[in-house]
């Protein structure tokens, strides 16, 4: 592919006290590409996601966005660039409805004096837009007025992803999106990842499930003990080879 990557990280390092969480990590992501970020517990996956999201800025290294060096020091900077993050805990409010969760922190006020003077929320407008957003992504929920607590785990995950897309991001970071989901529910989430690719959105996917990785990822970047330990083209690489890199049988392979 021609042109610079959408997101490029070079030499990223991060230390927490005596713990070197990341050491000289490189990663690239292009538009419409799904990169799986793999590694055992403690490999540095979540730390790298937080570096990209601006939660824990890197101590060293260079981040480029569309070919230009950027400094992502806060989540707000990441969001302004076009980076959205869906964490494993989803950060949904159980007793707000689906539409209210989608617009949490971006609530729309009623037009005219009702919104300007009385600060009333445009609940009907938010529900209409929420329904359009969910329909566009092929997400089915019983009712956008239903409390999130009443949804299945898979539906809650898709609502969290849909909320991240309201800001029209160019990159979506997904932290274990199919963890604790059944086969059918996980399938719906993976279909949504495919839909993000079709919309030319770059996706970084943390997962421990190599089956999910094989199903949706283009590339697999393996971290081990905070360092790069392999980059693999998923469709042509045997699953066993990727697994060997995760557990440290092989190291720093490029396939």
Protein backbone atom coordinates (compact mmCIF):
# COMPACT_ATOMS: atom_id res chain seq x y z
CA UNK A 1 0.00 0.00 0.00
CA UNK A 2 1.24 3.45 -0.90
CA UNK A 3 1.43 6.48 1.38
CA UNK A 4 2.26 6.66 5.06
CA UNK A 5 0.47 4.49 7.61
CA UNK A 6 -2.50 5.99 9.39
CA UNK A 7 -0.76 5.34 12.72
CA UNK A 8 2.92 4.55 13.24
CA UNK A 9 4.76 3.93 16.51
CA UNK A 10 8.54 3.70 16.63
CA UNK A 11 10.71 2.95 19.64
CA UNK A 12 7.91 3.31 22.18
CA UNK A 13 9.07 2.78 25.78
CA UNK A 14 7.13 3.09 29.04
CA UNK A 15 8.27 2.51 32.61
CA UNK A 16 6.25 2.35 35.82
CA UNK A 17 8.74 2.69 38.67
CA UNK A 18 11.03 -0.32 38.53
CA UNK A 19 8.90 -2.07 35.90
CA UNK A 20 9.82 -1.58 32.23
CA UNK A 21 6.39 -2.17 30.68
CA UNK A 22 7.39 -1.38 27.07
CA UNK A 23 10.83 -1.28 25.44
CA UNK A 24 11.41 0.06 21.90
CA UNK A 25 8.07 -1.16 20.53
CA UNK A 26 7.18 -0.55 16.87
CA UNK A 27 3.69 -0.84 15.36
CA UNK A 28 1.95 0.31 12.19
CA UNK A 29 -1.71 0.51 11.22
CA UNK A 30 -3.23 1.49 7.87
CA UNK A 31 -6.74 2.51 6.90
CA UNK A 32 -9.15 -0.40 6.69
CA UNK A 33 -6.65 -2.74 8.36
CA UNK A 34 -7.20 -4.93 11.43
CA UNK A 35 -4.05 -5.52 13.47
CA UNK A 36 -4.30 -8.01 16.32
CA UNK A 37 -2.11 -7.18 19.31
CA UNK A 38 -1.15 -10.45 20.96
CA UNK A 39 0.88 -11.56 23.94
CA UNK A 40 0.70 -13.37 27.25
CA UNK A 41 -0.43 -11.62 30.44
CA UNK A 42 2.06 -8.87 31.29
CA UNK A 43 3.34 -8.61 27.72
CA UNK A 44 2.50 -4.89 27.52
CA UNK A 45 -0.60 -4.99 25.31
CA UNK A 46 -2.87 -2.89 27.51
CA UNK A 47 -0.04 -0.46 28.25
CA UNK A 48 0.51 0.08 24.52
CA UNK A 49 -3.19 0.70 23.99
CA UNK A 50 -3.14 3.27 26.80
CA UNK A 51 -0.13 4.99 25.20
CA UNK A 52 -2.03 5.31 21.92
CA UNK A 53 -5.19 6.45 23.72
CA UNK A 54 -3.29 9.13 25.66
CA UNK A 55 -4.04 7.61 29.07
CA UNK A 56 -0.38 6.77 29.85
CA UNK A 57 1.86 8.76 27.47
CA UNK A 58 5.09 7.11 26.34
CA UNK A 59 8.37 7.98 28.03
CA UNK A 60 10.29 7.64 24.75
CA UNK A 61 9.56 7.02 21.12
CA UNK A 62 7.81 8.62 18.16
CA UNK A 63 4.14 8.49 17.21
CA UNK A 64 3.13 9.55 13.71
CA UNK A 65 -0.44 10.19 12.62
CA UNK A 66 -0.96 10.20 8.85
CA UNK A 67 2.77 10.77 8.42
CA UNK A 68 3.06 13.66 10.90
CA UNK A 69 4.69 13.44 14.33
CA UNK A 70 2.14 13.92 17.12
CA UNK A 71 2.33 14.02 20.91
CA UNK A 72 -0.60 12.15 22.46
CA UNK A 73 -0.43 13.30 26.06
CA UNK A 74 -4.14 13.12 26.96
CA UNK A 75 -7.23 11.14 25.88
CA UNK A 76 -8.73 14.37 24.52
CA UNK A 77 -5.81 14.76 22.10
CA UNK A 78 -6.29 11.15 20.94
CA UNK A 79 -10.00 11.75 20.41
CA UNK A 80 -9.35 14.93 18.44
CA UNK A 81 -7.00 13.04 16.14
CA UNK A 82 -9.67 10.40 15.56
CA UNK A 83 -8.73 7.59 17.97
CA UNK A 84 -11.54 5.86 19.87
CA UNK A 85 -11.02 3.22 22.56
CA UNK A 86 -13.36 0.52 23.85
CA UNK A 87 -11.98 -0.93 27.06
CA UNK A 88 -12.79 -4.38 28.38
CA UNK A 89 -14.98 -2.97 31.17
CA UNK A 90 -17.04 -1.10 28.48
CA UNK A 91 -17.75 1.87 30.84
CA UNK A 92 -21.49 1.68 30.24
CA UNK A 93 -24.09 3.00 32.69
CA UNK A 94 -26.43 0.11 33.41
CA UNK A 95 -29.51 2.14 34.28
CA UNK A 96 -29.33 4.58 31.38
CA UNK A 97 -30.97 3.44 28.17
CA UNK A 98 -29.14 2.51 24.98
CA UNK A 99 -29.47 5.96 23.39
CA UNK A 100 -28.38 7.74 26.58
CA UNK A 101 -25.29 5.52 26.74
CA UNK A 102 -24.42 6.21 23.13
CA UNK A 103 -24.54 9.97 23.75
CA UNK A 104 -23.02 9.93 27.23
CA UNK A 105 -20.80 13.00 27.45
CA UNK A 106 -22.10 14.25 24.07
CA UNK A 107 -25.72 14.87 24.98
CA UNK A 108 -27.80 16.88 22.53
CA UNK A 109 -29.97 19.72 23.77
CA UNK A 110 -33.41 20.58 22.44
CA UNK A 111 -33.42 23.28 19.76
CA UNK A 112 -34.41 26.82 20.65
CA UNK A 113 -35.19 28.19 24.08
CA UNK A 114 -35.95 24.78 25.61
CA UNK A 115 -32.36 23.73 25.13
CA UNK A 116 -30.65 27.10 25.49
CA UNK A 117 -32.51 28.39 28.55
CA UNK A 118 -33.89 25.29 30.23
CA UNK A 119 -31.08 22.95 29.11
CA UNK A 120 -33.50 20.18 28.23
CA UNK A 121 -32.10 17.11 26.50
CA UNK A 122 -33.34 16.21 23.01
CA UNK A 123 -34.09 12.59 23.97
CA UNK A 124 -36.24 11.90 20.91
CA UNK A 125 -33.55 13.22 18.58
CA UNK A 126 -30.83 11.19 20.31
CA UNK A 127 -32.98 8.06 20.09
CA UNK A 128 -33.58 8.59 16.37
CA UNK A 129 -29.88 9.09 15.71
CA UNK A 130 -28.97 6.12 17.92
CA UNK A 131 -31.35 3.91 15.94
CA UNK A 132 -29.84 5.10 12.65
CA UNK A 133 -26.32 4.42 13.94
CA UNK A 134 -27.18 0.92 15.14
CA UNK A 135 -29.05 0.08 11.94
CA UNK A 136 -26.11 1.26 9.81
CA UNK A 137 -23.84 -1.16 11.69
CA UNK A 138 -26.34 -4.01 11.58
CA UNK A 139 -26.69 -3.98 15.38
CA UNK A 140 -29.98 -5.24 16.77
CA UNK A 141 -31.17 -4.28 20.25
CA UNK A 142 -34.69 -4.77 21.62
CA UNK A 143 -35.31 -1.03 22.00
CA UNK A 144 -33.03 2.02 22.16
CA UNK A 145 -35.10 3.03 25.22
CA UNK A 146 -34.20 -0.19 27.02
CA UNK A 147 -31.76 0.09 29.94
CA UNK A 148 -28.33 -1.30 29.08
CA UNK A 149 -28.59 -3.60 32.13
CA UNK A 150 -31.32 -5.55 30.28
CA UNK A 151 -29.08 -6.37 27.28
CA UNK A 152 -27.00 -9.48 26.70
CA UNK A 153 -23.23 -9.31 27.05
CA UNK A 154 -22.82 -9.32 23.28
CA UNK A 155 -25.34 -6.52 22.81
CA UNK A 156 -23.59 -4.46 25.49
CA UNK A 157 -20.28 -4.90 23.68
CA UNK A 158 -21.76 -3.75 20.37
CA UNK A 159 -23.36 -0.74 22.06
CA UNK A 160 -19.96 0.24 23.50
CA UNK A 161 -18.36 -0.05 20.05
CA UNK A 162 -21.19 1.91 18.48
CA UNK A 163 -20.74 4.69 21.06
CA UNK A 164 -17.06 4.94 20.10
CA UNK A 165 -18.06 5.41 16.45
CA UNK A 166 -20.28 8.44 17.08
CA UNK A 167 -17.21 10.66 16.94
CA UNK A 168 -16.41 9.30 13.45
CA UNK A 169 -12.96 7.97 14.41
CA UNK A 170 -10.31 6.82 11.96
CA UNK A 171 -8.85 4.28 14.42
CA UNK A 172 -10.68 2.09 16.95
CA UNK A 173 -8.83 0.30 19.76
CA UNK A 174 -10.65 -2.79 21.05
CA UNK A 175 -9.52 -4.43 24.31
CA UNK A 176 -10.65 -8.08 24.41
CA UNK A 177 -14.04 -7.39 22.75
CA UNK A 178 -15.11 -11.06 22.72
CA UNK A 179 -13.93 -12.01 26.22
CA UNK A 180 -16.61 -13.90 28.18
CA UNK A 181 -18.97 -13.98 25.17
CA UNK A 182 -20.61 -17.08 23.78
CA UNK A 183 -19.89 -18.26 20.25
CA UNK A 184 -22.92 -16.56 18.71
CA UNK A 185 -22.38 -13.28 20.56
CA UNK A 186 -18.68 -13.26 19.70
CA UNK A 187 -19.61 -13.81 16.07
CA UNK A 188 -21.74 -10.66 16.08
CA UNK A 189 -18.84 -8.64 17.49
CA UNK A 190 -16.43 -10.03 14.89
CA UNK A 191 -18.94 -9.14 12.16
CA UNK A 192 -18.87 -5.60 13.52
CA UNK A 193 -15.05 -5.55 13.30
CA UNK A 194 -15.40 -6.57 9.64
CA UNK A 195 -17.87 -3.71 9.18
CA UNK A 196 -15.32 -1.25 10.61
CA UNK A 197 -12.79 -2.48 8.05
CA UNK A 198 -15.33 -1.98 5.27
CA UNK A 199 -15.76 1.61 6.47
CA UNK A 200 -11.98 2.12 6.03
CA UNK A 201 -11.43 2.38 9.80
CA UNK A 202 -8.19 1.02 11.21
CA UNK A 203 -8.64 -1.40 14.11
CA UNK A 204 -6.19 -2.57 16.77
CA UNK A 205 -7.62 -5.62 18.47
CA UNK A 206 -6.29 -7.09 21.71
CA UNK A 207 -7.27 -10.74 21.97
CA UNK A 208 -6.24 -14.01 23.56
CA UNK A 209 -8.41 -15.95 21.12
CA UNK A 210 -6.40 -16.99 18.07
CA UNK A 211 -9.58 -18.21 16.41
CA UNK A 212 -10.98 -14.68 16.52
CA UNK A 213 -7.67 -13.33 15.24
CA UNK A 214 -7.71 -15.73 12.29
CA UNK A 215 -11.30 -14.71 11.55
CA UNK A 216 -10.79 -10.94 11.27
CA UNK A 217 -7.15 -9.78 11.50
CA UNK A 218 -4.86 -8.88 8.62
CA UNK A 219 -1.69 -8.69 10.72
CA UNK A 220 -0.73 -10.01 14.16
CA UNK A 221 1.81 -8.08 16.22
CA UNK A 222 3.16 -10.09 19.16
CA UNK A 223 4.55 -8.53 22.32
CA UNK A 224 6.56 -10.47 24.87
CA UNK A 225 7.90 -8.93 28.09
CA UNK A 226 7.28 -5.46 26.68
CA UNK A 227 9.13 -5.97 23.39
CA UNK A 228 8.19 -6.81 19.81
CA UNK A 229 8.36 -10.56 19.35
CA UNK A 230 6.96 -11.07 15.87
CA UNK A 231 4.81 -9.57 13.12
CA UNK A 232 2.79 -12.02 11.04
CA UNK A 233 0.51 -11.86 8.02
CA UNK A 234 -2.46 -13.68 9.52
CA UNK A 235 -4.08 -15.25 6.42
CA UNK A 236 -0.83 -17.01 5.40
CA UNK A 237 0.75 -17.81 8.77
CA UNK A 238 0.00 -21.09 10.61
CA UNK A 239 -1.68 -20.50 13.94
CA UNK A 240 0.96 -22.63 15.65
CA UNK A 241 3.71 -20.26 14.55
CA UNK A 242 1.92 -17.27 16.03
CA UNK A 243 1.33 -19.19 19.26
CA UNK A 244 5.03 -20.09 19.44
CA UNK A 245 5.90 -16.41 19.26
CA UNK A 246 3.42 -15.58 22.04
CA UNK A 247 4.91 -18.11 24.46
CA UNK A 248 8.51 -17.31 23.52
CA UNK A 249 9.52 -20.46 21.63
CA UNK A 250 10.42 -18.22 18.69
CA UNK A 251 11.39 -14.56 18.80
CA UNK A 252 11.42 -11.50 16.58
CA UNK A 253 10.15 -13.30 13.50
CA UNK A 254 8.76 -11.43 10.52
CA UNK A 255 6.52 -13.35 8.18
